[in-house]
Amino acid sequence: MSAACRCIRTFPILCCGSRPSSAFRSVAGRQFQRAFAMSSEGADLKKIQIGSGNSAFDAYTIGKQGAPGVIVLQEWWGVDFEVKNHAIEIAKRGFYSLIPDLYHGKVGLDVAEAQHLMDNLNWTGAIGDVAESVKWLKEKGCPKVGVTGYCMGGALSLASAVLVPGVDAVVAFYGTPSPELADLSKVKIPVQAHFGELDNINGFSDLAAARSLEENLKMAGVDHEVHIYQNNGHAFMNSSPDAIKRNEACGFAKHDQAAVDLAWSRFDAWFNKHLKY
């Protein structure tokens, strides 16, 4: 088995807890998710293409060129409304956001589709897309480039801290890669990570995964922070009305805006420190 395949071995069959709600197992659930996918057009985002030929992929940008760049990596759903919301929020905070489309135009409209897309992701290829995104941003004048991501994207952002040259700092949310993809004790850049205390995705984003990451970062000897948010679960940063409904359907912990605001303030402090100054 290739490392690209083995790297997802710790991720559960269903991201939405052990028993997703019936909304996601029914036709109604698919319609629910389709409405979510269509609920935000991301009108302020500019669609671009990075690379050429068979290796080309679409990406979305927003913000002022020449500002520090932040690559925003998707959850397992794909480039949906909520990752676009995150990119827009990051641009408002003074960064030039770029979302690489790691699924190359596909979006999961229900749990089964999202699982299928993630299971079939070429993780090594996704890391390559991140590397090309870093190169593109620096060619466009970004003095420094950070990577952030959520769930699957959190795992990829941490892997990027090991595998992608030119990344200056990382902020990862509730996701860790397996050792087959990236040895996190070999990180050489600053890393900040965020986890929910109630997250129960074993070995991926639960407390054990958070503590393991912290130990690896200590071994690496890099500037790092690992934050645990009490009474919060997986995907707690998803804050739009539709995303809150989706989290509820997945059985995640109740939305906690105070935790979201605190995480954003820590995100700002970290990337301001490592990308702006």
Protein backbone atom coordinates (compact mmCIF):
# COMPACT_ATOMS: atom_id res chain seq x y z
CA MET A 1 0.00 0.00 0.00
CA SER A 2 1.37 3.43 -0.92
CA ALA A 3 2.01 6.13 1.65
CA ALA A 4 -0.65 8.23 -0.06
CA CYS A 5 -3.21 5.51 0.70
CA ARG A 6 -1.95 4.66 4.18
CA CYS A 7 -2.08 8.27 5.33
CA ILE A 8 -5.85 8.12 5.77
CA ARG A 9 -5.90 4.89 7.74
CA THR A 10 -6.73 6.66 11.03
CA PHE A 11 -9.69 8.57 9.62
CA PRO A 12 -13.05 6.96 10.44
CA ILE A 13 -15.47 5.70 7.84
CA LEU A 14 -17.85 8.50 8.75
CA CYS A 15 -16.52 11.92 9.71
CA CYS A 16 -19.80 12.92 11.32
CA GLY A 17 -19.32 10.75 14.39
CA SER A 18 -19.98 7.04 14.61
CA ARG A 19 -23.66 7.31 13.70
CA PRO A 20 -24.60 10.18 11.36
CA SER A 21 -28.13 11.46 11.73
CA SER A 22 -30.84 10.14 9.46
CA ALA A 23 -30.83 13.45 7.59
CA PHE A 24 -27.58 12.38 5.99
CA ARG A 25 -28.73 8.85 5.22
CA SER A 26 -31.84 9.90 3.32
CA VAL A 27 -32.78 11.60 0.09
CA ALA A 28 -33.88 14.53 2.20
CA GLY A 29 -30.38 14.63 3.62
CA ARG A 30 -28.91 14.94 0.13
CA GLN A 31 -31.26 17.79 -0.62
CA PHE A 32 -30.27 19.39 2.70
CA GLN A 33 -26.60 19.19 1.79
CA ARG A 34 -27.24 20.40 -1.76
CA ALA A 35 -28.87 23.50 -0.31
CA PHE A 36 -25.77 23.96 1.89
CA ALA A 37 -23.44 23.66 -1.09
CA MET A 38 -25.42 26.25 -3.02
CA SER A 39 -25.97 28.66 -0.13
CA SER A 40 -22.85 30.78 -0.64
CA GLU A 41 -21.65 31.76 -4.07
CA GLY A 42 -18.42 33.31 -2.81
CA ALA A 43 -18.98 36.19 -5.21
CA ASP A 44 -15.91 38.08 -3.97
CA LEU A 45 -13.59 35.17 -4.72
CA LYS A 46 -11.65 35.15 -7.97
CA LYS A 47 -11.23 31.81 -9.75
CA ILE A 48 -7.77 31.22 -11.19
CA GLN A 49 -5.79 28.30 -12.57
CA ILE A 50 -2.41 27.27 -11.25
CA GLY A 51 0.00 25.19 -13.32
CA SER A 52 -0.50 23.87 -16.82
CA GLY A 53 -1.40 20.69 -18.64
CA ASN A 54 -2.48 17.65 -16.64
CA SER A 55 -1.09 19.08 -13.43
CA ALA A 56 -3.18 22.27 -13.59
CA PHE A 57 -5.83 22.88 -10.93
CA ASP A 58 -8.34 25.59 -10.08
CA ALA A 59 -7.98 27.84 -7.07
CA TYR A 60 -9.85 30.76 -5.55
CA THR A 61 -8.27 33.96 -4.27
CA ILE A 62 -9.39 36.98 -2.30
CA GLY A 63 -7.53 39.86 -0.67
CA LYS A 64 -4.85 42.34 -1.54
CA GLN A 65 -1.98 41.03 -3.63
CA GLY A 66 1.33 41.70 -1.96
CA ALA A 67 -0.05 40.99 1.50
CA PRO A 68 1.18 37.85 3.26
CA GLY A 69 -0.44 34.81 1.65
CA VAL A 70 -2.51 32.18 3.43
CA ILE A 71 -3.40 28.92 1.71
CA VAL A 72 -6.78 27.70 3.01
CA LEU A 73 -7.32 23.93 2.81
CA GLN A 74 -10.77 22.38 2.63
CA GLU A 75 -12.64 19.97 4.86
CA TRP A 76 -13.61 16.61 3.36
CA TRP A 77 -16.65 18.22 1.69
CA GLY A 78 -14.46 20.00 -0.88
CA VAL A 79 -14.41 23.68 -1.80
CA ASP A 80 -17.86 24.39 -0.42
CA PHE A 81 -19.50 27.48 1.04
CA GLU A 82 -17.80 27.25 4.44
CA VAL A 83 -14.18 27.01 3.34
CA LYS A 84 -14.93 30.02 1.14
CA ASN A 85 -16.31 31.81 4.19
CA HIS A 86 -13.07 31.05 6.02
CA ALA A 87 -10.98 32.42 3.14
CA ILE A 88 -13.07 35.60 3.03
CA GLU A 89 -12.67 36.05 6.80
CA ILE A 90 -8.91 35.55 6.55
CA ALA A 91 -8.68 38.16 3.78
CA LYS A 92 -10.54 40.63 6.01
CA ARG A 93 -7.78 40.10 8.55
CA GLY A 94 -5.13 41.43 6.17
CA PHE A 95 -4.00 38.36 4.25
CA TYR A 96 -4.20 37.26 0.63
CA SER A 97 -6.23 34.03 0.76
CA LEU A 98 -5.92 31.20 -1.74
CA ILE A 99 -8.03 28.01 -1.75
CA PRO A 100 -6.60 25.25 -3.97
CA ASP A 101 -9.35 22.94 -5.22
CA LEU A 102 -7.91 19.61 -4.10
CA TYR A 103 -10.91 17.67 -5.47
CA HIS A 104 -10.61 19.35 -8.88
CA GLY A 105 -14.16 20.62 -9.14
CA LYS A 106 -16.01 18.00 -7.09
CA VAL A 107 -17.95 18.74 -3.90
CA GLY A 108 -19.46 16.17 -1.53
CA LEU A 109 -23.18 16.78 -1.15
CA ASP A 110 -23.64 14.18 1.57
CA VAL A 111 -21.51 12.11 3.91
CA ALA A 112 -21.14 9.20 1.49
CA GLU A 113 -19.94 11.45 -1.31
CA ALA A 114 -17.52 13.31 0.96
CA GLN A 115 -16.13 10.01 2.24
CA HIS A 116 -15.72 8.74 -1.33
CA LEU A 117 -13.92 11.91 -2.41
CA MET A 118 -11.54 11.85 0.54
CA ASP A 119 -10.87 8.12 0.23
CA ASN A 120 -9.90 8.65 -3.41
CA LEU A 121 -7.81 11.76 -2.83
CA ASN A 122 -4.21 11.46 -3.96
CA TRP A 123 -2.70 12.90 -0.79
CA THR A 124 0.77 13.16 -2.30
CA GLY A 125 -0.78 15.01 -5.23
CA ALA A 126 -2.63 17.31 -2.82
CA ILE A 127 0.67 18.17 -1.13
CA GLY A 128 2.00 18.93 -4.61
CA ASP A 129 -0.92 21.31 -5.19
CA VAL A 130 -0.09 23.07 -1.92
CA ALA A 131 3.54 23.42 -3.02
CA GLU A 132 2.45 24.91 -6.36
CA SER A 133 0.14 27.29 -4.49
CA VAL A 134 3.03 28.49 -2.31
CA LYS A 135 5.14 29.07 -5.41
CA TRP A 136 2.30 30.97 -7.13
CA LEU A 137 1.71 33.24 -4.15
CA LYS A 138 5.38 34.11 -3.79
CA GLU A 139 5.63 34.81 -7.52
CA LYS A 140 2.69 37.21 -7.09
CA GLY A 141 4.58 39.16 -4.46
CA CYS A 142 3.52 37.63 -1.15
CA PRO A 143 6.56 38.12 1.11
CA LYS A 144 5.62 35.14 3.28
CA VAL A 145 3.08 32.33 3.00
CA GLY A 146 1.23 30.40 5.68
CA VAL A 147 -1.03 27.38 5.41
CA THR A 148 -4.22 26.75 7.36
CA GLY A 149 -6.83 24.03 7.06
CA TYR A 150 -9.80 22.37 8.68
CA CYS A 151 -10.37 18.66 9.33
CA MET A 152 -8.80 16.97 6.28
CA GLY A 153 -7.26 20.33 5.47
CA GLY A 154 -5.85 20.56 8.99
CA ALA A 155 -4.05 17.27 8.46
CA LEU A 156 -2.72 18.47 5.12
CA SER A 157 -1.58 21.78 6.58
CA LEU A 158 0.48 19.94 9.19
CA ALA A 159 1.89 17.65 6.51
CA SER A 160 2.80 20.77 4.54
CA ALA A 161 4.84 21.98 7.52
CA VAL A 162 7.09 18.97 6.93
CA LEU A 163 6.90 18.42 3.17
CA VAL A 164 6.43 21.76 1.41
CA PRO A 165 9.40 24.12 0.99
CA GLY A 166 8.63 27.81 1.31
CA VAL A 167 5.86 27.57 3.92
CA ASP A 168 6.61 30.04 6.70
CA ALA A 169 4.03 29.07 9.34
CA VAL A 170 0.96 26.86 9.83
CA VAL A 171 -2.32 27.10 11.73
CA ALA A 172 -4.13 23.74 11.76
CA PHE A 173 -7.66 22.99 12.93
CA TYR A 174 -8.77 19.56 14.21
CA GLY A 175 -6.85 17.20 11.96
CA THR A 176 -3.48 15.39 11.98
CA PRO A 177 -1.77 13.32 9.28
CA SER A 178 -0.62 9.78 9.84
CA PRO A 179 3.14 9.16 10.21
CA GLU A 180 3.16 7.50 6.79
CA LEU A 181 2.38 10.83 5.18
CA ALA A 182 4.46 13.11 7.40
CA ASP A 183 6.66 12.69 10.48
CA LEU A 184 5.60 15.65 12.60
CA SER A 185 8.73 15.44 14.75
CA LYS A 186 10.53 16.80 11.66
CA VAL A 187 8.56 20.05 11.44
CA LYS A 188 10.91 23.00 11.00
CA ILE A 189 8.50 25.97 10.98
CA PRO A 190 6.13 27.52 13.57
CA VAL A 191 2.87 25.60 14.09
CA GLN A 192 -0.29 26.52 15.94
CA ALA A 193 -3.08 23.92 16.27
CA HIS A 194 -6.65 23.94 17.57
CA PHE A 195 -8.77 21.02 18.80
CA GLY A 196 -12.15 20.57 20.46
CA GLU A 197 -12.18 18.81 23.83
CA LEU A 198 -15.20 16.70 22.80
CA ASP A 199 -13.88 15.69 19.38
CA ASN A 200 -14.14 11.90 19.20
CA ILE A 201 -12.46 11.12 15.87
CA ASN A 202 -9.92 8.72 17.31
CA GLY A 203 -6.30 9.24 16.36
CA PHE A 204 -7.15 12.06 13.98
CA SER A 205 -8.48 15.00 15.97
CA ASP A 206 -9.32 13.72 19.45
CA LEU A 207 -7.41 14.70 22.59
CA ALA A 208 -4.93 11.87 22.08
CA ALA A 209 -4.11 13.17 18.60
CA ALA A 210 -3.71 16.69 19.98
CA ARG A 211 -1.34 15.53 22.72
CA SER A 212 0.66 13.43 20.27
CA LEU A 213 1.04 16.45 18.01
CA GLU A 214 2.21 18.55 20.95
CA GLU A 215 4.86 15.97 21.86
CA ASN A 216 6.09 15.83 18.27
CA LEU A 217 6.34 19.60 18.08
CA LYS A 218 8.33 19.64 21.32
CA MET A 219 10.68 17.07 19.80
CA ALA A 220 10.99 19.21 16.67
CA GLY A 221 12.03 22.19 18.79
CA VAL A 222 9.89 24.70 16.86
CA ASP A 223 7.77 27.58 18.08
CA HIS A 224 4.36 26.02 18.66
CA GLU A 225 1.01 26.27 20.40
CA VAL A 226 -1.65 23.57 20.80
CA HIS A 227 -4.99 24.85 22.04
CA ILE A 228 -7.87 22.74 23.39
CA TYR A 229 -11.35 24.27 23.51
CA GLN A 230 -13.51 23.00 26.37
CA ASN A 231 -17.02 21.80 25.54
CA ASN A 232 -16.32 22.03 21.80
CA GLY A 233 -16.23 19.23 19.28
CA HIS A 234 -15.09 18.64 15.73
CA ALA A 235 -15.57 21.41 13.14
CA PHE A 236 -16.27 24.02 15.82
CA MET A 237 -14.98 26.86 13.61
CA ASN A 238 -17.88 26.45 11.17
CA SER A 239 -20.00 29.46 12.03
CA SER A 240 -22.37 30.34 9.19
CA PRO A 241 -26.03 29.45 9.79
CA ASP A 242 -25.91 26.63 7.23
CA ALA A 243 -22.67 25.24 8.66
CA ILE A 244 -24.11 25.28 12.17
CA LYS A 245 -27.09 23.28 10.89
CA ARG A 246 -24.74 20.82 9.23
CA ASN A 247 -22.75 20.39 12.42
CA GLU A 248 -25.97 19.76 14.33
CA ALA A 249 -27.00 17.13 11.77
CA CYS A 250 -23.61 15.49 12.28
CA GLY A 251 -24.17 15.34 16.02
CA PHE A 252 -21.31 17.69 16.89
CA ALA A 253 -21.22 19.86 20.00
CA LYS A 254 -23.36 22.98 20.23
CA HIS A 255 -21.95 26.02 18.45
CA ASP A 256 -19.79 28.20 20.70
CA GLN A 257 -19.13 31.61 19.15
CA ALA A 258 -16.87 32.63 22.03
CA ALA A 259 -14.54 29.73 21.19
CA VAL A 260 -14.59 30.69 17.51
CA ASP A 261 -13.70 34.29 18.35
CA LEU A 262 -10.89 33.16 20.64
CA ALA A 263 -9.49 30.86 17.95
CA TRP A 264 -9.56 33.67 15.38
CA SER A 265 -7.73 35.97 17.79
CA ARG A 266 -5.03 33.32 18.25
CA PHE A 267 -4.89 32.79 14.47
CA ASP A 268 -4.34 36.54 14.03
CA ALA A 269 -1.62 36.71 16.66
CA TRP A 270 0.23 33.72 15.18
CA PHE A 271 0.18 34.74 11.55
CA ASN A 272 0.81 38.41 12.39
CA LYS A 273 3.89 37.30 14.30
CA HIS A 274 5.23 34.86 11.73
CA LEU A 275 4.02 36.27 8.41
CA LYS A 276 3.80 40.04 8.85
CA TYR A 277 6.76 40.94 11.06
